[in-house]
PDB file of N, CA and C in Angstrom:
ATOM      1  N   MET A   1     117.678 121.753 103.813  1.00  0.00           N
ATOM      2  CA  MET A   1     117.375 121.637 102.400  1.00  0.00           C
ATOM      3  C   MET A   1     116.296 120.569 102.218  1.00  0.00           C
ATOM      4  N   LEU A   2     115.347 120.845 101.371  1.00  0.00           N
ATOM      5  CA  LEU A   2     114.277 119.915 101.041  1.00  0.00           C
ATOM      6  C   LEU A   2     114.390 119.514  99.579  1.00  0.00           C
ATOM      7  N   LYS A   3     114.252 118.226  99.310  1.00  0.00           N
ATOM      8  CA  LYS A   3     114.246 117.712  97.939  1.00  0.00           C
ATOM      9  C   LYS A   3     113.150 116.673  97.860  1.00  0.00           C
ATOM     10  N   GLY A   4     112.581 116.503  96.698  1.00  0.00           N
ATOM     11  CA  GLY A   4     111.640 115.414  96.546  1.00  0.00           C
ATOM     12  C   GLY A   4     110.427 115.788  95.732  1.00  0.00           C
ATOM     13  N   GLY A   5     109.478 114.892  95.786  1.00  0.00           N
ATOM     14  CA  GLY A   5     108.265 115.075  95.012  1.00  0.00           C
ATOM     15  C   GLY A   5     107.059 114.681  95.821  1.00  0.00           C
ATOM     16  N   ASN A   6     106.104 114.124  95.125  1.00  0.00           N
ATOM     17  CA  ASN A   6     104.839 113.803  95.756  1.00  0.00           C
ATOM     18  C   ASN A   6     104.874 112.530  96.599  1.00  0.00           C
ATOM     19  N   ASP A   7     105.787 111.603  96.295  1.00  0.00           N
ATOM     20  CA  ASP A   7     105.806 110.342  97.032  1.00  0.00           C
ATOM     21  C   ASP A   7     107.082 110.111  97.842  1.00  0.00           C
ATOM     22  N   GLU A   8     108.035 111.035  97.746  1.00  0.00           N
ATOM     23  CA  GLU A   8     109.274 110.901  98.510  1.00  0.00           C
ATOM     24  C   GLU A   8     109.837 112.294  98.784  1.00  0.00           C
ATOM     25  N   LEU A   9     110.257 112.496 100.024  1.00  0.00           N
ATOM     26  CA  LEU A   9     110.768 113.796 100.444  1.00  0.00           C
ATOM     27  C   LEU A   9     112.040 113.577 101.245  1.00  0.00           C
ATOM     28  N   ARG A  10     113.087 114.303 100.898  1.00  0.00           N
ATOM     29  CA  ARG A  10     114.360 114.191 101.613  1.00  0.00           C
ATOM     30  C   ARG A  10     114.617 115.507 102.326  1.00  0.00           C
ATOM     31  N   ILE A  11     114.862 115.422 103.637  1.00  0.00           N
ATOM     32  CA  ILE A  11     115.131 116.589 104.466  1.00  0.00           C
ATOM     33  C   ILE A  11     116.574 116.466 104.933  1.00  0.00           C
ATOM     34  N   VAL A  12     117.394 117.469 104.626  1.00  0.00           N
ATOM     35  CA  VAL A  12     118.819 117.407 104.918  1.00  0.00           C
ATOM     36  C   VAL A  12     119.167 118.433 105.984  1.00  0.00           C
ATOM     37  N   PHE A  13     119.713 117.941 107.086  1.00  0.00           N
ATOM     38  CA  PHE A  13     120.238 118.783 108.146  1.00  0.00           C
ATOM     39  C   PHE A  13     121.758 118.617 108.155  1.00  0.00           C
ATOM     40  N   SER A  14     122.467 119.405 108.928  1.00  0.00           N
ATOM     41  CA  SER A  14     123.925 119.298 108.959  1.00  0.00           C
ATOM     42  C   SER A  14     124.383 117.975 109.559  1.00  0.00           C
ATOM     43  N   THR A  15     123.588 117.386 110.437  1.00  0.00           N
ATOM     44  CA  THR A  15     123.999 116.152 111.108  1.00  0.00           C
ATOM     45  C   THR A  15     123.246 114.909 110.638  1.00  0.00           C
ATOM     46  N   HIS A  16     122.061 115.075 110.072  1.00  0.00           N
ATOM     47  CA  HIS A  16     121.239 113.924 109.688  1.00  0.00           C
ATOM     48  C   HIS A  16     120.505 114.178 108.375  1.00  0.00           C
ATOM     49  N   ASP A  17     120.243 113.089 107.664  1.00  0.00           N
ATOM     50  CA  ASP A  17     119.399 113.104 106.473  1.00  0.00           C
ATOM     51  C   ASP A  17     118.155 112.290 106.799  1.00  0.00           C
ATOM     52  N   ILE A  18     116.996 112.821 106.450  1.00  0.00           N
ATOM     53  CA  ILE A  18     115.733 112.146 106.721  1.00  0.00           C
ATOM     54  C   ILE A  18     115.042 111.900 105.391  1.00  0.00           C
ATOM     55  N   LEU A  19     114.623 110.664 105.172  1.00  0.00           N
ATOM     56  CA  LEU A  19     113.895 110.298 103.971  1.00  0.00           C
ATOM     57  C   LEU A  19     112.480 109.914 104.383  1.00  0.00           C
ATOM     58  N   VAL A  20     111.502 110.607 103.825  1.00  0.00           N
ATOM     59  CA  VAL A  20     110.095 110.362 104.132  1.00  0.00           C
ATOM     60  C   VAL A  20     109.445 109.822 102.871  1.00  0.00           C
ATOM     61  N   LYS A  21     108.757 108.681 102.993  1.00  0.00           N
ATOM     62  CA  LYS A  21     108.040 108.094 101.860  1.00  0.00           C
ATOM     63  C   LYS A  21     106.560 108.028 102.206  1.00  0.00           C
ATOM     64  N   GLY A  22     105.730 108.274 101.210  1.00  0.00           N
ATOM     65  CA  GLY A  22     104.301 108.242 101.441  1.00  0.00           C
ATOM     66  C   GLY A  22     103.540 108.703 100.220  1.00  0.00           C
ATOM     67  N   ARG A  23     102.511 109.531 100.466  1.00  0.00           N
ATOM     68  CA  ARG A  23     101.681 110.014  99.372  1.00  0.00           C
ATOM     69  C   ARG A  23     101.331 111.477  99.611  1.00  0.00           C
ATOM     70  N   ASN A  24     101.290 112.253  98.540  1.00  0.00           N
ATOM     71  CA  ASN A  24     100.929 113.678  98.587  1.00  0.00           C
ATOM     72  C   ASN A  24     101.841 114.469  99.511  1.00  0.00           C
ATOM     73  N   LEU A  25     103.148 114.241  99.409  1.00  0.00           N
ATOM     74  CA  LEU A  25     104.116 114.869 100.308  1.00  0.00           C
ATOM     75  C   LEU A  25     104.530 116.271  99.874  1.00  0.00           C
ATOM     76  N   SER A  26     104.149 116.697  98.682  1.00  0.00           N
ATOM     77  CA  SER A  26     104.573 118.020  98.228  1.00  0.00           C
ATOM     78  C   SER A  26     104.024 119.131  99.123  1.00  0.00           C
ATOM     79  N   SER A  27     102.816 118.977  99.643  1.00  0.00           N
ATOM     80  CA  SER A  27     102.285 119.997 100.553  1.00  0.00           C
ATOM     81  C   SER A  27     103.011 119.967 101.900  1.00  0.00           C
ATOM     82  N   LEU A  28     103.523 118.808 102.280  1.00  0.00           N
ATOM     83  CA  LEU A  28     104.303 118.702 103.513  1.00  0.00           C
ATOM     84  C   LEU A  28     105.598 119.499 103.393  1.00  0.00           C
ATOM     85  N   ALA A  29     106.191 119.522 102.219  1.00  0.00           N
ATOM     86  CA  ALA A  29     107.435 120.260 102.012  1.00  0.00           C
ATOM     87  C   ALA A  29     107.251 121.745 102.298  1.00  0.00           C
ATOM     88  N   SER A  30     106.154 122.317 101.841  1.00  0.00           N
ATOM     89  CA  SER A  30     105.926 123.743 102.102  1.00  0.00           C
ATOM     90  C   SER A  30     105.681 124.002 103.591  1.00  0.00           C
ATOM     91  N   ASP A  31     105.003 123.094 104.277  1.00  0.00           N
ATOM     92  CA  ASP A  31     104.802 123.233 105.724  1.00  0.00           C
ATOM     93  C   ASP A  31     106.119 123.119 106.479  1.00  0.00           C
ATOM     94  N   LEU A  32     106.990 122.212 106.045  1.00  0.00           N
ATOM     95  CA  LEU A  32     108.306 122.084 106.679  1.00  0.00           C
ATOM     96  C   LEU A  32     109.136 123.348 106.475  1.00  0.00           C
ATOM     97  N   ALA A  33     109.115 123.872 105.264  1.00  0.00           N
ATOM     98  CA  ALA A  33     109.891 125.072 104.960  1.00  0.00           C
ATOM     99  C   ALA A  33     109.420 126.274 105.785  1.00  0.00           C
ATOM    100  N   ALA A  34     108.141 126.303 106.116  1.00  0.00           N
ATOM    101  CA  ALA A  34     107.573 127.406 106.900  1.00  0.00           C
ATOM    102  C   ALA A  34     107.615 127.115 108.407  1.00  0.00           C
ATOM    103  N   HIS A  35     108.255 126.019 108.796  1.00  0.00           N
ATOM    104  CA  HIS A  35     108.392 125.634 110.216  1.00  0.00           C
ATOM    105  C   HIS A  35     107.037 125.424 110.882  1.00  0.00           C
ATOM    106  N   ARG A  36     106.087 124.827 110.153  1.00  0.00           N
ATOM    107  CA  ARG A  36     104.763 124.548 110.698  1.00  0.00           C
ATOM    108  C   ARG A  36     104.582 123.081 111.067  1.00  0.00           C
ATOM    109  N   VAL A  37     105.655 122.309 111.074  1.00  0.00           N
ATOM    110  CA  VAL A  37     105.571 120.882 111.412  1.00  0.00           C
ATOM    111  C   VAL A  37     106.300 120.650 112.720  1.00  0.00           C
ATOM    112  N   ALA A  38     105.587 120.098 113.699  1.00  0.00           N
ATOM    113  CA  ALA A  38     106.190 119.806 114.996  1.00  0.00           C
ATOM    114  C   ALA A  38     106.555 118.331 115.121  1.00  0.00           C
ATOM    115  N   LYS A  39     105.896 117.460 114.333  1.00  0.00           N
ATOM    116  CA  LYS A  39     106.112 116.020 114.484  1.00  0.00           C
ATOM    117  C   LYS A  39     105.756 115.314 113.177  1.00  0.00           C
ATOM    118  N   LEU A  40     106.583 114.328 112.809  1.00  0.00           N
ATOM    119  CA  LEU A  40     106.286 113.440 111.691  1.00  0.00           C
ATOM    120  C   LEU A  40     106.103 112.043 112.246  1.00  0.00           C
ATOM    121  N   GLN A  41     105.088 111.342 111.761  1.00  0.00           N
ATOM    122  CA  GLN A  41     104.813 110.005 112.276  1.00  0.00           C
ATOM    123  C   GLN A  41     104.270 109.138 111.157  1.00  0.00           C
ATOM    124  N   GLU A  42     104.767 107.902 111.090  1.00  0.00           N
ATOM    125  CA  GLU A  42     104.252 106.945 110.129  1.00  0.00           C
ATOM    126  C   GLU A  42     102.857 106.517 110.554  1.00  0.00           C
ATOM    127  N   LEU A  43     101.991 106.262 109.562  1.00  0.00           N
ATOM    128  CA  LEU A  43     100.666 105.742 109.870  1.00  0.00           C
ATOM    129  C   LEU A  43     100.749 104.255 110.165  1.00  0.00           C
ATOM    130  N   ASN A  44      99.906 103.794 111.055  1.00  0.00           N
ATOM    131  CA  ASN A  44      99.860 102.348 111.287  1.00  0.00           C
ATOM    132  C   ASN A  44      99.144 101.683 110.115  1.00  0.00           C
ATOM    133  N   ARG A  45      99.180 100.391 110.071  1.00  0.00           N
ATOM    134  CA  ARG A  45      98.670  99.634 108.926  1.00  0.00           C
ATOM    135  C   ARG A  45      97.199  99.928 108.635  1.00  0.00           C
ATOM    136  N   LEU A  46      96.367  99.959 109.639  1.00  0.00           N
ATOM    137  CA  LEU A  46      94.939 100.205 109.427  1.00  0.00           C
ATOM    138  C   LEU A  46      94.693 101.604 108.881  1.00  0.00           C
ATOM    139  N   ASP A  47      95.377 102.599 109.426  1.00  0.00           N
ATOM    140  CA  ASP A  47      95.190 103.970 108.969  1.00  0.00           C
ATOM    141  C   ASP A  47      95.600 104.154 107.515  1.00  0.00           C
ATOM    142  N   ARG A  48      96.544 103.358 107.034  1.00  0.00           N
ATOM    143  CA  ARG A  48      96.956 103.456 105.629  1.00  0.00           C
ATOM    144  C   ARG A  48      95.797 103.138 104.704  1.00  0.00           C
ATOM    145  N   PHE A  49      94.969 102.184 105.096  1.00  0.00           N
ATOM    146  CA  PHE A  49      93.838 101.797 104.258  1.00  0.00           C
ATOM    147  C   PHE A  49      92.662 102.766 104.407  1.00  0.00           C
ATOM    148  N   LEU A  50      92.528 103.386 105.567  1.00  0.00           N
ATOM    149  CA  LEU A  50      91.423 104.299 105.808  1.00  0.00           C
ATOM    150  C   LEU A  50      91.665 105.682 105.218  1.00  0.00           C
ATOM    151  N   ASN A  51      92.912 106.081 105.088  1.00  0.00           N
ATOM    152  CA  ASN A  51      93.255 107.417 104.608  1.00  0.00           C
ATOM    153  C   ASN A  51      93.465 107.380 103.099  1.00  0.00           C
ATOM    154  N   GLU A  52      92.399 107.587 102.346  1.00  0.00           N
ATOM    155  CA  GLU A  52      92.471 107.512 100.887  1.00  0.00           C
ATOM    156  C   GLU A  52      92.944 108.813 100.254  1.00  0.00           C
ATOM    157  N   THR A  53      92.757 109.934 100.931  1.00  0.00           N
ATOM    158  CA  THR A  53      93.143 111.225 100.380  1.00  0.00           C
ATOM    159  C   THR A  53      94.058 111.940 101.355  1.00  0.00           C
ATOM    160  N   GLY A  54      94.692 112.985 100.884  1.00  0.00           N
ATOM    161  CA  GLY A  54      95.539 113.781 101.751  1.00  0.00           C
ATOM    162  C   GLY A  54      96.931 113.193 101.911  1.00  0.00           C
ATOM    163  N   VAL A  55      97.701 113.843 102.763  1.00  0.00           N
ATOM    164  CA  VAL A  55      99.080 113.438 103.023  1.00  0.00           C
ATOM    165  C   VAL A  55      99.094 112.248 103.958  1.00  0.00           C
ATOM    166  N   PHE A  56      99.907 111.251 103.639  1.00  0.00           N
ATOM    167  CA  PHE A  56     100.203 110.239 104.640  1.00  0.00           C
ATOM    168  C   PHE A  56     101.633 109.767 104.484  1.00  0.00           C
ATOM    169  N   ILE A  57     102.214 109.376 105.605  1.00  0.00           N
ATOM    170  CA  ILE A  57     103.604 108.932 105.665  1.00  0.00           C
ATOM    171  C   ILE A  57     103.609 107.439 105.939  1.00  0.00           C
ATOM    172  N   ARG A  58     104.253 106.680 105.064  1.00  0.00           N
ATOM    173  CA  ARG A  58     104.328 105.236 105.279  1.00  0.00           C
ATOM    174  C   ARG A  58     105.689 104.789 105.795  1.00  0.00           C
ATOM    175  N   GLU A  59     106.715 105.636 105.627  1.00  0.00           N
ATOM    176  CA  GLU A  59     108.055 105.256 106.080  1.00  0.00           C
ATOM    177  C   GLU A  59     108.896 106.497 106.345  1.00  0.00           C
ATOM    178  N   ILE A  60     109.637 106.456 107.447  1.00  0.00           N
ATOM    179  CA  ILE A  60     110.592 107.510 107.764  1.00  0.00           C
ATOM    180  C   ILE A  60     111.919 106.834 108.079  1.00  0.00           C
ATOM    181  N   SER A  61     112.983 107.248 107.401  1.00  0.00           N
ATOM    182  CA  SER A  61     114.306 106.718 107.724  1.00  0.00           C
ATOM    183  C   SER A  61     115.241 107.883 108.024  1.00  0.00           C
ATOM    184  N   VAL A  62     116.049 107.689 109.043  1.00  0.00           N
ATOM    185  CA  VAL A  62     116.987 108.726 109.496  1.00  0.00           C
ATOM    186  C   VAL A  62     118.387 108.152 109.447  1.00  0.00           C
ATOM    187  N   GLU A  63     119.295 108.886 108.816  1.00  0.00           N
ATOM    188  CA  GLU A  63     120.692 108.475 108.736  1.00  0.00           C
ATOM    189  C   GLU A  63     121.575 109.640 109.134  1.00  0.00           C
ATOM    190  N   GLN A  64     122.733 109.332 109.668  1.00  0.00           N
ATOM    191  CA  GLN A  64     123.699 110.391 109.936  1.00  0.00           C
ATOM    192  C   GLN A  64     124.180 110.953 108.614  1.00  0.00           C
ATOM    193  N   ALA A  65     124.438 112.232 108.572  1.00  0.00           N
ATOM    194  CA  ALA A  65     124.941 112.860 107.349  1.00  0.00           C
ATOM    195  C   ALA A  65     126.247 112.210 106.940  1.00  0.00           C
ATOM    196  N   GLY A  66     126.388 111.963 105.657  1.00  0.00           N
ATOM    197  CA  GLY A  66     127.621 111.384 105.147  1.00  0.00           C
ATOM    198  C   GLY A  66     127.643 109.868 105.103  1.00  0.00           C
ATOM    199  N   GLU A  67     126.617 109.183 105.628  1.00  0.00           N
ATOM    200  CA  GLU A  67     126.584 107.718 105.539  1.00  0.00           C
ATOM    201  C   GLU A  67     126.379 107.308 104.087  1.00  0.00           C
ATOM    202  N   ASN A  68     126.945 106.197 103.711  1.00  0.00           N
ATOM    203  CA  ASN A  68     126.766 105.693 102.357  1.00  0.00           C
ATOM    204  C   ASN A  68     125.372 105.100 102.221  1.00  0.00           C
ATOM    205  N   ARG A  69     124.738 105.385 101.106  1.00  0.00           N
ATOM    206  CA  ARG A  69     123.409 104.847 100.836  1.00  0.00           C
ATOM    207  C   ARG A  69     123.524 103.716  99.830  1.00  0.00           C
ATOM    208  N   ALA A  70     122.686 102.733 100.010  1.00  0.00           N
ATOM    209  CA  ALA A  70     122.674 101.600  99.063  1.00  0.00           C
ATOM    210  C   ALA A  70     121.852 101.916  97.862  1.00  0.00           C
TER     211      ALA A  70
END
């Protein structure tokens, strides 16, 4: 299951929940749904400043399904 918007995307699997934060993530959701994504990776600090347009990921957090969130 995919939930989210342009700056935050939540991917839910039976065993893990993944929260992706960044910019322009709505197009990433359609690629994930079509199984066209092989790898997600956070950008390093320099790349964040160089990438002014397009999709970029600034944070990825992975939790086991059912963990309490703060």
